[in-house]
Each structure stands twice: as C-alpha cells, then as structure tokens.
Amino acid sequence: MRPASPHAVARWCAGQGWPVHPLAPGRKTPVANCPSCRDRGHLPADCACLPAGRPCHGFHAATTDPERIDSWWSHTPARGVGIACGGADLVVIDVDAHSASVPDRNLLLPGIPIHASVNLRGLASGFDTLALLAALRGQPSPAEDTGTLRVRTPSGGLHIWYRNPRPATRLRCSTGSSTKVALAWQVDVRADGGYIVAPTTRTAQGTYRPEGPARLPAPLPEWLGEELVRTGHVIEPQRVTVPSGSAGVTGSAGPQGDYGVITSRPGGRGAGGQRVLEPLLAEVAACAGTPEGAAFTEKLNKAAYTAGGLAAAGHLDEGAARALLREAAETARPRQSARHARIIGAGLAAGAARPLHLKGRS
C-alpha cells in the first residue's frame, strides 16, 4: 500500500482542525521566506504575504483552508507538512536520543534534586530522563503511552502528541538543554510558538513514522500538565494598565486558566511587546547591507536582551521571540546559525532577569 502523499496528509491534518504549513522538500524546516521578506526583516504580523496566501514565516502561515492547502501542495507536491502546535491546541513531548555527555544529576530534571542513592547507571538519553520523571511521580513513562499518537523520528527520537484539554492555559515551547524553562534533559516541548512535523513526512534522514495503534492525540495527562506548570511552561498573561481612577495600577488581561493561573491566547497578547521589539529586529536585519562594521553582534544582543525582558514580563512568547530573532539574524548574516544561537540565548537569559514592563510606553 502506497503511503499517503504530503498533500493528502495536509488535508487530513486540516480536517482535524490542525493548521498546517509547508516544509522544505526533504527537510524538517519550513520553506524559505520569499526574497522580499528575507530582505526586509519585518514581523509576520506586518507581512503582506500571509493575507495573500504565500507560505512565508513558517508556522505563522499555517492554515486549515482547503483551497490554500491545495494551492501550496499542488505547486510543490514534495513539500513536507508542518503543524502549528498553538493553533492546533497540541502539546508534543519531543524525546531526543542524541549522543551527548550526561550532565550533573541535579541538572537532569529541573527543580528536582536527585538523591545520590538513585542509581543513574546507563542513563543516556531523553527516554531515560522522561522515565525517571514519571517514576518519581508514580506514573508510567509517556514514551510508553499507547493511547496517544506517537511518532518515531529519523534520528531515533520520539514525538509524543497530546491535546491540551484546557485551552485557556497556554503552554510554551522549550528545549531540554535550557537553563531557564525545561521539562527534562533531552526532552523538548513543542506547544505555542512552535510547530511539529506531521507523521509520514519524509526527509533526507528518513521518515517520521507513527508507532503503536493510536493515530490521534489523547488529552495531556493531568500529572504531566502539572509538571509543565511547575517548570515554567505556562505563558504569562499580558500586563495592562487599568483605566478610570486607577492610574499607576497594572492588571492581567485574559481569562482565568484551569491550572490556577491567569492566561490568554496569543492572538490577544504581545502587541505592545512587538512594537518595542520590531525596530530592534529591523536594525539587526539592516546589517545585511554592511558586511563589516555594522555592530551586528551588539544589535542582536540588544534585541535579544529586550525580548528576554519582554517575555519575562508577559508581553511576548519567548519561543516566538527566539524565532523572530533567528530570522532577523539569518537575514543579516546567513549560515552562521550556531553563532546566532549563542548570542540570542545569552541575551534572552540576561533579559529574563530584568522583566521589562510596558506601563507608560506607547
């Protein structure tokens, strides 16, 4: 039996209510931006391509519109399929199995000291740290959860798909190596501000293959949702100034979340933060016109520091801000992604220690 085409997979995903966007043929990354978007370095919200149906800016272009999907995949049938996790209310646990040095035992599970009596011999990957976290909570490992969609990656990792059963509580992306927000070593989280590769997508490294009987995501287990809250994955609400006689008082916008925190969906937050960050991103992107002497590093660090402060104050989603910073940096200095990541990571971490509130700013 022939595997389903990417076009058919995209249509099926859209039928589940999951917004999709095209990936570069043979790769797990989104299709490149058009030349105009690469040159301008603007924010997705200001892009004319998205209303016109062009797939710029990665997951920001994701849609469930059948006509747009037909147009995208009819034009380039070999494109893979990405799914915008936030728009689909998906929380995907991305378990890695990379060959890497195992960190100190107290860095394996953020916020959980591991007693010296616990035997960690043989621990080598995210499968082990996720199993350890589950065992400490008296739960089975999500990697063995046959009741939800699981997808084996070409590198030997595993994507464990869950549906957010409490959409009022928005959850952010993270990487397992992060020193700020992480679930476990070599365990990434894909949620708001990120995307996931659809099952059956083929890349040069191999195919993303469904594993086990389930073909749809189950609700996120309660204990795992609590762990995501504990480890800082909840997106904080936008801070707003309260009018009419309450000058100088700030409050939180958005409904009460189900995990006992106040949250709001990304569509209604971040406008003020984007206004502050946008000119800094434009300065970074403008360095493309000056190969040397443009103070690129300083400008990128300033933008990342500002983004970190805005994210810490709840005005931006850190995952989305990181993507915008990388895009602007790549526009200015292509093929230096490792250097960009170091500058952005350091700037975001430094800025996070100094939350930047927008009271009084226009």
Protein backbone atom coordinates (compact mmCIF):
# COMPACT_ATOMS: atom_id res chain seq x y z
CA MET A 1 0.00 0.00 0.00
CA ARG A 2 1.46 3.34 -1.06
CA PRO A 3 1.95 5.92 1.71
CA ALA A 4 -0.31 8.97 1.64
CA SER A 5 1.01 11.96 -0.29
CA PRO A 6 2.03 15.11 1.63
CA HIS A 7 -0.97 16.84 0.08
CA ALA A 8 -3.33 14.18 1.43
CA VAL A 9 -1.64 14.33 4.84
CA ALA A 10 -2.02 18.12 4.92
CA ARG A 11 -5.71 17.86 4.07
CA TRP A 12 -6.23 15.17 6.73
CA CYS A 13 -4.48 17.27 9.40
CA ALA A 14 -6.54 20.32 8.48
CA GLY A 15 -9.64 18.16 8.82
CA GLN A 16 -8.66 17.56 12.45
CA GLY A 17 -8.57 21.33 12.98
CA TRP A 18 -4.76 21.47 12.90
CA PRO A 19 -3.35 24.43 10.91
CA VAL A 20 -0.65 23.26 8.51
CA HIS A 21 2.21 24.90 6.64
CA PRO A 22 4.68 23.53 4.07
CA LEU A 23 8.16 22.32 4.91
CA ALA A 24 11.09 22.48 2.51
CA PRO A 25 11.19 19.31 0.36
CA GLY A 26 13.27 16.63 2.06
CA ARG A 27 13.76 18.72 5.20
CA LYS A 28 12.08 19.25 8.57
CA THR A 29 12.31 23.05 8.39
CA PRO A 30 9.71 25.44 6.87
CA VAL A 31 10.03 26.62 3.30
CA ALA A 32 12.23 29.69 2.97
CA ASN A 33 10.76 33.16 3.07
CA CYS A 34 10.33 34.99 -0.21
CA PRO A 35 13.21 37.35 -1.17
CA SER A 36 11.23 40.39 -0.08
CA CYS A 37 10.64 39.00 3.40
CA ARG A 38 14.27 37.91 3.73
CA ASP A 39 15.47 41.39 2.77
CA ARG A 40 13.02 43.41 4.89
CA GLY A 41 13.29 41.52 8.16
CA HIS A 42 9.77 42.51 9.23
CA LEU A 43 7.47 40.83 11.72
CA PRO A 44 4.99 38.20 10.48
CA ALA A 45 2.11 40.40 11.64
CA ASP A 46 3.24 43.07 9.18
CA CYS A 47 3.79 40.73 6.22
CA ALA A 48 1.69 41.11 3.08
CA CYS A 49 2.49 37.54 2.05
CA LEU A 50 0.31 35.90 4.68
CA PRO A 51 -3.00 37.55 3.72
CA ALA A 52 -2.12 36.82 0.09
CA GLY A 53 -1.72 33.10 0.83
CA ARG A 54 2.05 32.81 0.42
CA PRO A 55 3.78 30.47 2.88
CA CYS A 56 6.29 32.87 4.44
CA HIS A 57 7.31 32.96 8.11
CA GLY A 58 6.94 29.27 8.86
CA PHE A 59 4.17 28.32 11.26
CA HIS A 60 2.78 31.87 11.18
CA ALA A 61 1.40 30.97 7.73
CA ALA A 62 -0.35 27.81 8.94
CA THR A 63 -3.95 27.37 7.84
CA THR A 64 -6.83 24.90 7.64
CA ASP A 65 -8.18 26.48 4.43
CA PRO A 66 -8.54 23.63 1.87
CA GLU A 67 -8.08 25.92 -1.14
CA ARG A 68 -4.84 27.35 0.19
CA ILE A 69 -3.60 23.88 1.09
CA ASP A 70 -4.44 22.61 -2.39
CA SER A 71 -2.57 25.52 -3.93
CA TRP A 72 0.55 25.03 -1.82
CA TRP A 73 0.93 21.29 -2.33
CA SER A 74 -0.23 21.22 -5.94
CA HIS A 75 2.52 23.70 -6.74
CA THR A 76 5.24 21.67 -4.96
CA PRO A 77 4.00 18.14 -4.14
CA ALA A 78 7.25 17.13 -2.42
CA ARG A 79 6.87 19.64 0.39
CA GLY A 80 6.56 18.11 3.84
CA VAL A 81 3.85 19.03 6.33
CA GLY A 82 4.31 21.10 9.47
CA ILE A 83 1.59 21.71 12.05
CA ALA A 84 1.36 24.89 14.17
CA CYS A 85 1.02 23.48 17.68
CA GLY A 86 -0.59 26.54 19.25
CA GLY A 87 -3.35 26.83 16.69
CA ALA A 88 -4.00 23.09 16.95
CA ASP A 89 -4.01 23.10 20.79
CA LEU A 90 -1.28 20.46 20.68
CA VAL A 91 1.41 19.80 23.27
CA VAL A 92 4.06 17.48 21.88
CA ILE A 93 6.77 15.94 24.05
CA ASP A 94 9.86 15.62 21.85
CA VAL A 95 12.19 12.97 23.25
CA ASP A 96 15.74 13.07 21.91
CA ALA A 97 18.29 10.28 21.80
CA HIS A 98 21.36 12.32 20.86
CA SER A 99 24.85 11.22 21.77
CA ALA A 100 25.93 13.77 24.37
CA SER A 101 27.68 13.99 27.71
CA VAL A 102 25.28 13.40 30.58
CA PRO A 103 25.12 16.48 32.85
CA ASP A 104 25.27 16.52 36.63
CA ARG A 105 22.41 14.55 38.18
CA ASN A 106 20.82 17.70 39.58
CA LEU A 107 20.53 19.14 36.06
CA LEU A 108 18.62 16.18 34.63
CA LEU A 109 15.20 17.19 35.98
CA PRO A 110 14.98 20.97 36.55
CA GLY A 111 13.83 21.78 40.07
CA ILE A 112 14.13 18.17 41.29
CA PRO A 113 17.31 17.21 43.17
CA ILE A 114 18.16 13.55 42.60
CA HIS A 115 19.48 11.86 45.70
CA ALA A 116 22.84 10.12 45.48
CA SER A 117 21.16 6.82 46.32
CA VAL A 118 19.34 6.84 42.97
CA ASN A 119 21.31 4.65 40.54
CA LEU A 120 21.69 6.52 37.24
CA ARG A 121 23.96 3.97 35.59
CA GLY A 122 23.02 3.55 31.95
CA LEU A 123 21.15 6.86 31.68
CA ALA A 124 21.96 8.22 28.24
CA SER A 125 19.00 9.99 26.61
CA GLY A 126 15.70 11.78 26.96
CA PHE A 127 13.93 8.42 27.14
CA ASP A 128 15.72 7.80 30.43
CA THR A 129 15.09 11.24 31.97
CA LEU A 130 11.41 11.17 30.99
CA ALA A 131 11.07 7.69 32.53
CA LEU A 132 12.84 8.93 35.66
CA LEU A 133 10.47 11.89 35.99
CA ALA A 134 7.46 9.61 35.54
CA ALA A 135 8.77 7.13 38.08
CA LEU A 136 9.31 9.86 40.66
CA ARG A 137 5.66 10.86 40.16
CA GLY A 138 4.43 7.28 40.29
CA GLN A 139 3.33 7.34 36.64
CA PRO A 140 4.16 5.32 33.52
CA SER A 141 6.50 6.97 31.05
CA PRO A 142 4.70 8.91 28.28
CA ALA A 143 7.07 7.24 25.81
CA GLU A 144 5.14 4.02 26.50
CA ASP A 145 1.70 5.63 26.21
CA THR A 146 -0.04 3.52 23.56
CA GLY A 147 -3.24 5.52 23.99
CA THR A 148 -1.92 8.59 22.19
CA LEU A 149 -0.27 9.32 18.86
CA ARG A 150 3.47 8.67 18.98
CA VAL A 151 5.79 9.31 16.05
CA ARG A 152 9.29 7.84 15.69
CA THR A 153 11.74 10.37 14.27
CA PRO A 154 14.52 9.58 11.76
CA SER A 155 17.16 10.20 14.46
CA GLY A 156 15.65 7.60 16.79
CA GLY A 157 13.76 10.05 18.97
CA LEU A 158 10.05 10.08 19.65
CA HIS A 159 7.30 12.70 19.36
CA ILE A 160 4.52 12.06 21.89
CA TRP A 161 1.42 14.01 20.85
CA TYR A 162 -1.15 15.25 23.33
CA ARG A 163 -4.15 17.55 23.09
CA ASN A 164 -4.29 20.44 25.54
CA PRO A 165 -7.53 19.70 27.43
CA ARG A 166 -7.52 23.18 29.00
CA PRO A 167 -7.05 25.64 26.13
CA ALA A 168 -7.40 28.66 28.42
CA THR A 169 -3.97 27.73 29.79
CA ARG A 170 -1.38 28.33 27.09
CA LEU A 171 1.89 26.44 27.22
CA ARG A 172 5.22 27.49 25.70
CA CYS A 173 7.91 25.60 23.80
CA SER A 174 11.19 24.65 25.45
CA THR A 175 14.39 22.72 24.87
CA GLY A 176 15.72 20.11 27.24
CA SER A 177 19.09 21.85 27.47
CA SER A 178 17.62 25.20 28.54
CA THR A 179 18.71 26.61 31.88
CA LYS A 180 15.51 28.64 32.17
CA VAL A 181 12.48 26.59 31.05
CA ALA A 182 12.82 22.84 30.52
CA LEU A 183 10.98 19.64 31.41
CA ALA A 184 13.93 17.23 31.41
CA TRP A 185 17.35 16.79 29.82
CA GLN A 186 16.99 15.82 26.14
CA VAL A 187 13.22 16.30 26.34
CA ASP A 188 11.86 19.24 24.32
CA VAL A 189 8.33 20.60 24.41
CA ARG A 190 6.50 21.80 21.29
CA ALA A 191 3.49 24.00 22.02
CA ASP A 192 2.52 27.65 21.42
CA GLY A 193 5.13 29.42 19.32
CA GLY A 194 6.32 26.25 17.60
CA TYR A 195 5.45 23.55 15.10
CA ILE A 196 5.74 19.79 14.77
CA VAL A 197 6.47 17.61 11.74
CA ALA A 198 3.42 15.62 10.63
CA PRO A 199 3.56 11.81 10.61
CA THR A 200 4.67 10.18 7.32
CA THR A 201 6.72 13.26 6.33
CA ARG A 202 9.87 12.12 4.50
CA THR A 203 13.23 13.86 4.87
CA ALA A 204 16.74 13.13 3.68
CA GLN A 205 17.41 11.47 7.05
CA GLY A 206 14.30 9.25 6.96
CA THR A 207 10.56 9.20 7.56
CA TYR A 208 8.51 10.27 10.58
CA ARG A 209 6.62 7.04 11.29
CA PRO A 210 3.59 6.57 13.56
CA GLU A 211 4.24 4.00 16.26
CA GLY A 212 1.65 1.89 18.03
CA PRO A 213 -2.11 1.73 17.42
CA ALA A 214 -3.17 5.33 18.17
CA ARG A 215 -3.47 7.83 15.34
CA LEU A 216 -4.85 10.79 17.29
CA PRO A 217 -3.55 12.64 20.37
CA ALA A 218 -5.08 11.88 23.74
CA PRO A 219 -5.66 14.61 26.35
CA LEU A 220 -2.49 15.71 28.13
CA PRO A 221 -2.24 13.66 31.36
CA GLU A 222 -3.00 15.70 34.45
CA TRP A 223 0.32 14.93 36.12
CA LEU A 224 2.27 15.95 33.02
CA GLY A 225 0.32 19.21 32.77
CA GLU A 226 1.22 19.93 36.38
CA GLU A 227 4.88 19.29 35.60
CA LEU A 228 4.75 21.74 32.71
CA VAL A 229 3.29 24.36 35.04
CA ARG A 230 5.96 23.63 37.67
CA THR A 231 8.77 24.00 35.14
CA GLY A 232 7.62 27.40 33.85
CA HIS A 233 5.87 26.39 30.61
CA VAL A 234 2.75 28.48 31.23
CA ILE A 235 2.63 31.61 29.07
CA GLU A 236 2.06 34.53 31.38
CA PRO A 237 -0.76 36.99 30.65
CA GLN A 238 -0.32 40.39 29.10
CA ARG A 239 0.08 43.20 31.63
CA VAL A 240 -2.21 46.14 31.00
CA THR A 241 -2.83 49.48 32.69
CA VAL A 242 -6.16 49.69 34.48
CA PRO A 243 -8.00 52.94 33.49
CA SER A 244 -10.60 55.16 35.22
CA GLY A 245 -9.19 56.27 38.52
CA SER A 246 -6.58 53.54 38.86
CA ALA A 247 -3.57 55.35 37.42
CA GLY A 248 -0.35 53.51 38.00
CA VAL A 249 -2.05 50.18 38.64
CA THR A 250 -1.37 47.24 36.33
CA GLY A 251 -3.55 44.20 35.86
CA SER A 252 -3.68 40.99 33.87
CA ALA A 253 -5.68 40.57 30.69
CA GLY A 254 -7.32 37.30 29.79
CA PRO A 255 -9.48 34.59 31.35
CA GLN A 256 -8.69 32.53 34.42
CA GLY A 257 -6.70 29.48 33.39
CA ASP A 258 -7.60 25.96 34.50
CA TYR A 259 -4.27 25.37 36.24
CA GLY A 260 -4.96 28.24 38.66
CA VAL A 261 -3.06 30.91 36.70
CA ILE A 262 -4.39 33.75 34.57
CA THR A 263 -3.67 33.27 30.89
CA SER A 264 -4.72 34.49 27.47
CA ARG A 265 -4.41 33.19 23.93
CA PRO A 266 -1.52 34.54 21.84
CA GLY A 267 -3.85 36.28 19.41
CA GLY A 268 -4.73 38.90 22.00
CA ARG A 269 -1.33 39.45 23.55
CA GLY A 270 2.07 40.73 22.60
CA ALA A 271 1.10 43.77 20.52
CA GLY A 272 2.92 46.18 22.83
CA GLY A 273 5.91 43.88 23.07
CA GLN A 274 6.10 43.57 19.29
CA ARG A 275 6.03 47.35 18.92
CA VAL A 276 9.07 47.63 21.18
CA LEU A 277 10.96 44.73 19.59
CA GLU A 278 10.20 45.47 15.93
CA PRO A 279 12.63 48.40 15.41
CA LEU A 280 15.41 46.43 17.10
CA LEU A 281 14.81 43.48 14.78
CA ALA A 282 14.84 45.86 11.83
CA GLU A 283 18.25 47.18 12.94
CA VAL A 284 19.59 43.63 13.07
CA ALA A 285 18.23 42.76 9.62
CA ALA A 286 19.57 46.01 8.16
CA CYS A 287 23.11 44.81 8.91
CA ALA A 288 22.77 42.73 5.73
CA GLY A 289 23.71 45.83 3.74
CA THR A 290 27.00 46.21 5.65
CA PRO A 291 29.21 43.09 5.66
CA GLU A 292 31.54 44.51 8.35
CA GLY A 293 31.48 47.30 10.92
CA ALA A 294 27.69 47.31 11.40
CA ALA A 295 27.83 46.34 15.12
CA PHE A 296 25.77 43.26 14.26
CA THR A 297 26.63 41.38 17.46
CA GLU A 298 25.76 44.34 19.68
CA LYS A 299 22.47 44.93 17.87
CA LEU A 300 21.45 41.28 18.04
CA ASN A 301 22.38 41.10 21.72
CA LYS A 302 20.35 44.26 22.45
CA ALA A 303 17.32 42.85 20.62
CA ALA A 304 17.61 39.51 22.44
CA TYR A 305 18.06 41.21 25.83
CA THR A 306 14.96 43.32 25.20
CA ALA A 307 12.99 40.28 24.04
CA GLY A 308 14.02 38.40 27.20
CA GLY A 309 12.76 41.23 29.37
CA LEU A 310 9.50 41.49 27.44
CA ALA A 311 8.95 37.72 27.66
CA ALA A 312 9.67 37.70 31.39
CA ALA A 313 7.05 40.43 31.87
CA GLY A 314 4.47 38.51 29.83
CA HIS A 315 4.46 40.79 26.76
CA LEU A 316 5.93 38.23 24.33
CA ASP A 317 6.15 34.48 23.98
CA GLU A 318 9.82 33.53 24.29
CA GLY A 319 9.62 30.81 21.65
CA ALA A 320 8.11 33.16 19.10
CA ALA A 321 10.60 35.91 20.01
CA ARG A 322 13.51 33.50 19.60
CA ALA A 323 12.24 32.57 16.12
CA LEU A 324 11.99 36.23 15.12
CA LEU A 325 15.49 36.93 16.41
CA ARG A 326 16.91 33.99 14.47
CA GLU A 327 15.11 35.10 11.33
CA ALA A 328 16.47 38.64 11.56
CA ALA A 329 19.97 37.36 12.33
CA GLU A 330 19.89 34.93 9.40
CA THR A 331 18.76 37.76 7.13
CA ALA A 332 21.79 39.83 8.12
CA ARG A 333 24.41 37.09 8.42
CA PRO A 334 23.36 33.87 6.63
CA ARG A 335 24.84 30.49 7.50
CA GLN A 336 26.01 31.47 10.99
CA SER A 337 23.21 29.78 12.94
CA ALA A 338 25.42 28.43 15.74
CA ARG A 339 26.84 31.89 16.42
CA HIS A 340 23.37 33.42 16.28
CA ALA A 341 22.03 30.86 18.76
CA ARG A 342 24.78 31.68 21.27
CA ILE A 343 24.18 35.43 21.10
CA ILE A 344 20.39 35.08 21.25
CA GLY A 345 20.46 32.56 24.09
CA ALA A 346 22.74 34.72 26.21
CA GLY A 347 20.73 37.88 25.51
CA LEU A 348 17.39 36.25 26.30
CA ALA A 349 18.71 34.79 29.55
CA ALA A 350 20.17 38.12 30.65
CA GLY A 351 17.00 40.00 29.74
CA ALA A 352 14.81 37.49 31.57
CA ALA A 353 16.43 38.56 34.83
CA ARG A 354 15.13 42.11 34.26
CA PRO A 355 11.42 41.95 33.26
CA LEU A 356 10.51 44.88 31.03
CA HIS A 357 7.04 46.24 31.81
CA LEU A 358 5.38 48.49 29.27
CA LYS A 359 3.40 50.79 31.56
CA GLY A 360 3.67 54.29 30.21
CA ARG A 361 5.06 53.19 26.85
CA SER A 362 3.26 53.83 23.57
